[in-house]
Protein backbone atom coordinates (compact mmCIF):
# COMPACT_ATOMS: atom_id res chain seq x y z
CA MET A 1 -38.86 21.12 28.65
CA TYR A 2 -37.25 19.31 31.59
CA VAL A 3 -34.80 21.57 33.44
CA GLY A 4 -33.21 20.55 36.73
CA GLY A 5 -31.77 23.95 37.67
CA THR A 6 -29.40 26.78 36.76
CA LEU A 7 -26.29 28.38 38.21
CA ILE A 8 -23.87 31.16 37.39
CA SER A 9 -20.31 29.96 36.81
CA SER A 10 -16.93 31.33 35.85
CA VAL A 11 -15.39 27.89 35.21
CA GLU A 12 -17.79 25.97 32.93
CA PHE A 13 -16.80 27.95 29.82
CA HIS A 14 -13.17 29.00 30.21
CA GLY A 15 -12.73 32.76 30.07
CA ASN A 16 -16.47 33.44 30.08
CA MET A 17 -18.96 34.13 32.84
CA SER A 18 -21.89 31.86 32.08
CA ILE A 19 -25.33 30.79 33.13
CA VAL A 20 -25.42 26.99 33.17
CA ILE A 21 -28.77 25.37 32.44
CA PHE A 22 -28.98 21.74 33.58
CA MET A 23 -31.26 19.81 31.25
CA SER A 24 -32.73 16.73 32.92
CA LYS A 25 -32.85 13.13 31.61
CA CYS A 26 -30.10 10.84 30.32
CA PRO A 27 -30.32 7.33 28.78
CA LEU A 28 -26.89 6.26 30.06
CA THR A 29 -26.15 4.75 33.46
CA CYS A 30 -22.56 5.89 33.95
CA ARG A 31 -21.52 4.38 37.25
CA TYR A 32 -19.66 7.51 38.37
CA CYS A 33 -22.40 9.98 37.38
CA HIS A 34 -22.57 12.76 39.99
CA ASN A 35 -25.72 14.43 38.64
CA VAL A 36 -27.85 11.45 39.60
CA GLU A 37 -30.79 13.63 40.58
CA LEU A 38 -31.16 14.75 36.95
CA LEU A 39 -31.49 11.28 35.42
CA GLU A 40 -35.21 10.91 36.06
CA ASP A 41 -36.05 14.47 37.09
CA ASN A 42 -39.50 15.61 35.86
CA THR A 43 -39.25 19.29 36.74
CA GLU A 44 -40.70 21.21 33.81
CA LYS A 45 -40.01 24.76 32.71
CA SER A 46 -41.45 26.66 29.81
CA PHE A 47 -39.21 28.35 27.26
CA GLU A 48 -40.43 31.69 28.60
CA GLU A 49 -39.21 30.76 32.08
CA VAL A 50 -35.79 29.72 30.77
CA LYS A 51 -35.63 32.88 28.65
CA ALA A 52 -36.39 34.94 31.77
CA ASP A 53 -33.49 33.25 33.61
CA ILE A 54 -31.15 34.13 30.73
CA ASP A 55 -32.44 37.70 30.48
CA HIS A 56 -32.03 38.21 34.22
CA ALA A 57 -28.33 37.27 33.94
CA ALA A 58 -27.63 38.74 30.50
CA ASP A 59 -25.99 41.96 31.71
CA PHE A 60 -23.17 40.14 33.50
CA ILE A 61 -22.65 36.93 31.51
CA ASP A 62 -20.85 36.19 28.26
CA ALA A 63 -22.32 32.79 27.49
CA VAL A 64 -25.00 30.17 28.08
CA VAL A 65 -23.97 26.58 28.82
CA LEU A 66 -26.41 23.71 28.29
CA SER A 67 -25.41 20.79 30.47
CA GLY A 68 -27.13 17.78 31.98
CA GLY A 69 -28.11 15.05 32.13
CA GLU A 70 -27.90 14.68 28.36
CA PRO A 71 -29.21 17.89 26.76
CA LEU A 72 -29.54 16.32 23.31
CA MET A 73 -32.47 14.22 24.54
CA GLN A 74 -34.44 17.49 24.24
CA LEU A 75 -33.28 18.66 20.81
CA ASP A 76 -36.25 20.93 20.07
CA ALA A 77 -35.79 22.69 23.41
CA LEU A 78 -32.07 23.11 22.73
CA ILE A 79 -32.72 24.65 19.34
CA GLU A 80 -35.22 27.08 20.86
CA ILE A 81 -32.83 28.12 23.66
CA LEU A 82 -29.69 28.31 21.52
CA THR A 83 -31.44 30.31 18.78
CA TYR A 84 -32.49 32.86 21.38
CA VAL A 85 -29.02 32.98 22.93
CA LYS A 86 -27.49 33.68 19.53
CA SER A 87 -30.09 36.40 18.88
CA ILE A 88 -28.90 38.35 21.93
CA ASN A 89 -25.23 37.91 20.98
CA LEU A 90 -24.14 35.59 23.78
CA LYS A 91 -21.82 32.64 23.20
CA THR A 92 -23.09 29.06 23.40
CA LYS A 93 -21.64 25.90 24.89
CA LEU A 94 -22.97 22.36 24.96
CA ASP A 95 -21.91 19.60 27.36
CA THR A 96 -22.76 16.22 25.85
CA SER A 97 -21.95 12.53 25.88
CA GLY A 98 -22.02 12.55 22.09
CA ILE A 99 -24.34 9.57 21.77
CA TYR A 100 -26.64 11.37 19.30
CA PRO A 101 -24.44 12.32 16.32
CA GLU A 102 -27.45 13.06 14.09
CA LYS A 103 -28.66 15.67 16.59
CA ILE A 104 -25.20 17.24 16.81
CA GLU A 105 -25.19 17.40 13.00
CA LYS A 106 -28.49 19.31 13.11
CA LEU A 107 -27.10 21.88 15.59
CA LEU A 108 -24.03 22.32 13.41
CA GLU A 109 -26.19 22.86 10.33
CA LEU A 110 -28.06 25.60 12.21
CA GLU A 111 -24.74 27.17 13.35
CA LEU A 112 -25.86 27.27 16.98
CA LEU A 113 -22.70 26.06 18.73
CA ASP A 114 -19.52 27.92 19.68
CA PHE A 115 -17.98 25.43 22.12
CA VAL A 116 -18.66 21.78 22.91
CA SER A 117 -17.33 19.70 25.80
CA LEU A 118 -17.57 16.07 24.69
CA ASP A 119 -17.45 13.58 27.54
CA ILE A 120 -15.63 10.51 26.30
CA LYS A 121 -16.26 8.03 29.07
CA ALA A 122 -13.72 5.31 28.23
CA PRO A 123 -11.80 3.79 25.33
CA PHE A 124 -14.44 3.35 22.64
CA GLU A 125 -14.39 -0.45 22.86
CA LYS A 126 -14.96 -0.35 26.65
CA TYR A 127 -18.06 1.83 26.73
CA ARG A 128 -20.48 -0.79 27.98
CA LYS A 129 -18.42 -1.39 31.13
CA VAL A 130 -18.61 2.27 32.16
CA THR A 131 -21.92 3.51 30.71
CA GLY A 132 -24.08 0.40 30.46
CA ALA A 133 -24.45 0.91 26.69
CA ASN A 134 -22.32 -0.01 23.69
CA VAL A 135 -22.33 3.48 22.17
CA GLY A 136 -18.64 4.11 21.49
CA SER A 137 -19.13 4.24 17.72
CA GLN A 138 -21.77 6.98 18.02
CA VAL A 139 -19.48 9.05 20.24
CA LYS A 140 -16.63 8.66 17.77
CA LYS A 141 -18.89 9.86 14.95
CA SER A 142 -19.93 12.90 16.99
CA MET A 143 -16.28 13.74 17.64
CA LYS A 144 -15.51 13.63 13.92
CA LEU A 145 -18.51 15.83 13.08
CA LEU A 146 -17.47 18.45 15.65
CA ASN A 147 -13.87 18.44 14.48
CA SER A 148 -15.03 18.98 10.90
CA ASP A 149 -16.64 22.32 11.79
CA PRO A 150 -14.00 25.09 11.98
CA ASN A 151 -16.39 27.38 13.86
CA VAL A 152 -16.77 25.07 16.87
CA HIS A 153 -14.14 24.78 19.59
CA LEU A 154 -14.02 21.20 20.92
CA GLU A 155 -12.92 20.00 24.32
CA VAL A 156 -12.70 16.24 24.76
CA ARG A 157 -12.72 15.23 28.41
CA THR A 158 -12.55 12.04 30.45
CA THR A 159 -13.28 11.56 34.14
CA TYR A 160 -10.58 9.26 35.50
CA VAL A 161 -12.14 6.73 37.86
CA PRO A 162 -9.88 4.22 39.64
CA THR A 163 -11.33 0.70 39.29
CA LEU A 164 -13.06 1.69 36.02
CA HIS A 165 -10.05 3.12 34.21
CA THR A 166 -6.37 2.31 34.16
CA LYS A 167 -3.66 4.76 33.22
CA LYS A 168 -3.11 2.60 30.13
CA ASP A 169 -6.76 3.20 29.19
CA ILE A 170 -6.16 6.95 29.17
CA LYS A 171 -2.95 6.56 27.18
CA ASN A 172 -4.73 4.39 24.62
CA LEU A 173 -7.73 6.71 24.50
CA VAL A 174 -5.73 9.82 23.75
CA MET A 175 -4.38 8.11 20.64
CA ASP A 176 -7.98 7.78 19.39
CA VAL A 177 -9.32 11.26 20.09
CA GLU A 178 -8.87 14.67 18.55
CA GLY A 179 -9.99 18.14 19.48
CA ASP A 180 -8.66 21.51 20.58
CA ILE A 181 -8.38 20.45 24.24
CA TYR A 182 -8.13 17.15 26.10
CA THR A 183 -9.01 17.34 29.80
CA ILE A 184 -8.55 14.68 32.47
CA GLN A 185 -11.13 15.27 35.19
CA GLN A 186 -10.80 14.09 38.75
CA PHE A 187 -13.41 11.55 39.87
CA ARG A 188 -15.53 12.57 42.86
CA ASN A 189 -16.90 9.81 45.08
CA LYS A 190 -19.90 11.69 46.46
CA ASN A 191 -23.46 11.32 45.15
CA VAL A 192 -22.54 8.73 42.50
CA LEU A 193 -24.91 6.38 40.72
CA ASP A 194 -23.04 3.22 41.77
CA PRO A 195 -22.80 3.19 45.60
CA ALA A 196 -19.76 0.91 45.40
CA LEU A 197 -17.78 3.82 43.96
CA GLU A 198 -18.31 5.84 47.13
CA LYS A 199 -15.57 3.66 48.65
CA VAL A 200 -13.12 4.36 45.81
CA GLU A 201 -10.41 6.83 46.69
CA VAL A 202 -10.42 10.12 44.83
CA PRO A 203 -7.39 10.29 42.50
CA ASN A 204 -4.44 12.28 43.78
CA PRO A 205 -4.17 15.51 41.73
CA HIS A 206 -0.41 15.13 41.44
CA ASP A 207 -0.87 11.66 39.93
CA LEU A 208 -3.32 13.06 37.40
CA THR A 209 -0.88 15.83 36.50
CA LYS A 210 1.84 13.25 35.98
CA LEU A 211 -0.47 11.21 33.74
CA ALA A 212 -1.40 14.31 31.74
CA LYS A 213 2.28 15.10 31.16
CA GLU A 214 2.82 11.56 29.93
CA ILE A 215 0.03 11.77 27.35
CA LYS A 216 0.71 15.36 26.22
CA PRO A 217 3.20 14.36 23.47
CA PHE A 218 0.50 12.19 21.88
CA PHE A 219 -2.27 14.80 21.68
CA ASP A 220 -2.20 17.56 19.09
CA GLY A 221 -3.77 20.27 21.23
CA VAL A 222 -3.94 21.68 24.74
CA VAL A 223 -3.91 19.17 27.63
CA LYS A 224 -5.54 20.09 30.93
CA VAL A 225 -6.24 18.57 34.34
CA LYS A 226 -9.28 19.55 36.40
CA THR A 227 -9.27 18.80 40.14
CA ALA A 228 -11.04 20.02 43.26
CA GLU A 229 -7.71 20.99 44.83
CA PHE A 230 -6.20 23.07 42.01
CA GLY A 231 -9.04 23.80 39.60
CA GLU A 232 -8.22 23.74 35.91
CA GLN A 233 -4.53 23.49 35.02
CA VAL A 234 -2.94 23.66 31.58
CA ILE A 235 -0.09 21.17 31.19
CA GLU A 236 3.01 22.86 29.81
């Protein structure tokens, strides 16, 4: 399996200390991607090596997070890891773009997911502009599958990128999404796939908070903002 690295985090799975495993490879070319080094990374690890990383951390973590890249490109590896994580009674979380609904369906059938963060990159009809691929319909299908499973907690999140998104885009998008949480994430202009975005100003956290308050009445769930300055904030 292709694994770009691991880290211990207290913020990737709210309320849980986690080991985050970064699975390499992704078919999308999101212009603001900040894990560029993972897109074509060929670093290989065996399952036994990944298992050893989990075991080493198991005494002080509550969960394992599979992030990327796009983890679902390596479905067999995910099943192997998640099955083991469940066997040692740790929680599981998947970070995904949602472009492979049939693979999400398989993980749901196997009851391997506790929490999913679904990155919705743009209004569904504007996906090509942001990701380079017209995959909005697949993402929408994944969202519906995840919402249909009462045992999976779903966070829908969007990284707000000036020049790629307008505030109207976010307001329109929130009308089209459903989940337990909707999070607006602050764009970071370092180490991005499109060098032109390095010149784009990072959104002001207060502006993002204001936007989140404006959309809150239209989302049936918790609304959050995530910024470098203030971390994760729940909008009251």
